Amino acid sequence: TGNSGACKLGLETGTSGPSLSESAMNAGEAASALDADADKLARCMRATAEVVARAAQSAARKATRGEAQRRASESQRLADLEAEVSRLRAAEKKHLSIQSEAVEREKLLREE
């Protein structure tokens, strides 16, 4: 037969697989599927980036609130310490005044 060489090589027409037009259609479908997958991936990446950005903003807000609370606490502690120092100074002043009065009385008693 005239096709025997072609048959041995698998080159006979119509029996060796899909035709060229079928292959082109399959390639087009595959390309469309890849494009759809690429679009899905891009959407997922954007959504992931948005979630990560929101999480970072939330963490920053929490850190800012935490820092503000820490500063407020430190300010309150400083105010409490200043009040304690003021109270101690007043007590010291009163003690020194009483001590001074006692020394004056002792002097008066010695003079008598």
Foldseek 3Di string as FASTA:
>chain_A
DVCPVVVVVLNDPPPNDDDPVVVVVVVVVVVVVVVVVVVVVVVVVVVVVVVVVVVVVVVVVVVVVVVVVVVVVVVVVVVVVVVVVVVVVVVVVVVVVVVVVVVVVVVVVVVD
